[in-house]
Protein backbone atom coordinates (compact mmCIF):
# COMPACT_ATOMS: atom_id res chain seq x y z
CA UNK A 1 4.89 3.95 47.85
CA UNK A 2 4.81 5.49 44.12
CA UNK A 3 4.47 1.57 43.05
CA UNK A 4 1.72 0.78 44.92
CA UNK A 5 0.45 4.10 43.92
CA UNK A 6 0.92 3.04 40.01
CA UNK A 7 -0.86 0.00 40.81
CA UNK A 8 -3.80 1.34 42.44
CA UNK A 9 -4.24 3.78 39.23
CA UNK A 10 -3.99 0.77 36.71
CA UNK A 11 -6.96 -1.11 38.93
CA UNK A 12 -8.73 2.22 38.59
CA UNK A 13 -8.84 2.98 35.04
CA UNK A 14 -10.00 -1.22 35.08
CA UNK A 15 -12.84 0.08 36.96
CA UNK A 16 -13.20 3.34 35.14
CA UNK A 17 -13.38 1.46 31.58
CA UNK A 18 -15.73 -0.86 33.18
CA UNK A 19 -18.06 1.30 34.33
CA UNK A 20 -17.84 3.49 31.64
CA UNK A 21 -19.13 0.55 29.08
CA UNK A 22 -22.05 -0.06 31.67
CA UNK A 23 -22.86 3.74 30.77
CA UNK A 24 -22.73 3.53 27.32
CA UNK A 25 -24.96 0.15 27.12
CA UNK A 26 -27.41 1.88 29.89
CA UNK A 27 -27.28 5.14 27.66
CA UNK A 28 -28.37 3.24 24.34
CA UNK A 29 -30.98 0.74 26.17
CA UNK A 30 -32.24 4.27 27.03
CA UNK A 31 -32.53 5.89 23.50
CA UNK A 32 -33.97 2.38 22.44
CA UNK A 33 -36.41 2.98 24.96
CA UNK A 34 -37.13 6.41 24.40
CA UNK A 35 -37.66 5.31 20.57
CA UNK A 36 -40.66 2.89 21.09
CA UNK A 37 -42.07 5.59 23.39
CA UNK A 38 -40.97 3.83 26.86
CA UNK A 39 -38.83 6.22 28.27
CA UNK A 40 -39.17 9.66 28.57
CA UNK A 41 -36.51 12.76 27.94
CA UNK A 42 -35.40 12.94 31.34
CA UNK A 43 -34.58 9.36 31.50
CA UNK A 44 -32.63 10.08 28.45
CA UNK A 45 -31.39 13.06 29.90
CA UNK A 46 -30.03 11.27 33.12
CA UNK A 47 -28.43 8.50 31.25
CA UNK A 48 -26.48 11.09 28.78
CA UNK A 49 -25.50 13.35 32.18
CA UNK A 50 -24.28 9.45 33.26
CA UNK A 51 -22.11 8.64 30.49
CA UNK A 52 -20.68 11.95 30.30
CA UNK A 53 -19.76 11.32 34.22
CA UNK A 54 -18.24 8.47 33.32
CA UNK A 55 -15.79 9.20 30.28
CA UNK A 56 -14.79 12.11 32.74
CA UNK A 57 -13.95 10.05 35.39
CA UNK A 58 -12.05 7.58 32.95
CA UNK A 59 -10.17 10.50 31.39
CA UNK A 60 -8.61 11.28 35.04
CA UNK A 61 -8.54 8.08 35.71
CA UNK A 62 -6.38 7.48 32.58
CA UNK A 63 -4.20 10.78 33.30
CA UNK A 64 -3.37 9.72 36.97
CA UNK A 65 -2.42 6.40 35.62
CA UNK A 66 0.36 7.59 32.82
CA UNK A 67 1.21 9.98 35.68
CA UNK A 68 2.10 7.31 37.93
CA UNK A 69 4.11 5.44 35.19
CA UNK A 70 6.21 8.01 34.26
CA UNK A 71 6.77 9.07 38.00
CA UNK A 72 7.82 5.75 38.40
CA UNK A 73 9.49 5.87 35.10
CA UNK A 74 11.70 8.83 36.13
CA UNK A 75 12.24 7.41 39.46
CA UNK A 76 13.96 4.36 38.48
CA UNK A 77 15.46 5.45 35.25
CA UNK A 78 14.21 2.60 33.92
CA UNK A 79 12.18 2.14 30.36
CA UNK A 80 10.15 -0.82 31.33
CA UNK A 81 8.42 -1.30 27.99
CA UNK A 82 11.41 -1.29 26.24
CA UNK A 83 13.24 -3.29 29.32
CA UNK A 84 16.85 -1.41 29.41
CA UNK A 85 17.73 1.92 31.49
CA UNK A 86 16.75 5.21 30.25
CA UNK A 87 20.22 6.31 29.82
CA UNK A 88 20.13 3.24 26.82
CA UNK A 89 17.92 5.20 25.36
CA UNK A 90 19.73 8.14 23.99
CA UNK A 91 21.80 5.59 21.67
CA UNK A 92 18.97 3.51 20.66
CA UNK A 93 18.16 4.48 16.74
CA UNK A 94 13.94 4.34 18.09
CA UNK A 95 14.85 7.33 19.83
CA UNK A 96 16.91 9.28 17.74
CA UNK A 97 18.50 12.86 19.03
CA UNK A 98 17.98 15.36 16.03
CA UNK A 99 20.79 16.96 14.43
CA UNK A 100 21.86 20.54 15.33
CA UNK A 101 21.61 22.70 12.62
């Protein structure tokens, strides 16, 4: 179930990224239309609000993704990026244990 949640959150990050890209493009186009006089302040404000909402949604999706990632990692006690058990990371040089003073 946790892996399924992780996969869902990964897809949500992808969707949120696409939505943010679209919101950025729409805002840029609305700004250009405003500059040439074909859009009013309300249109620019609306596009800016939609962009801000897309940023918030993207950040929330990213947070949920990483929370799911570390939950799977904690439950399996395995680091999938390094392809090794977490117990081996204690001895691995990429994660040195600080010396006690």
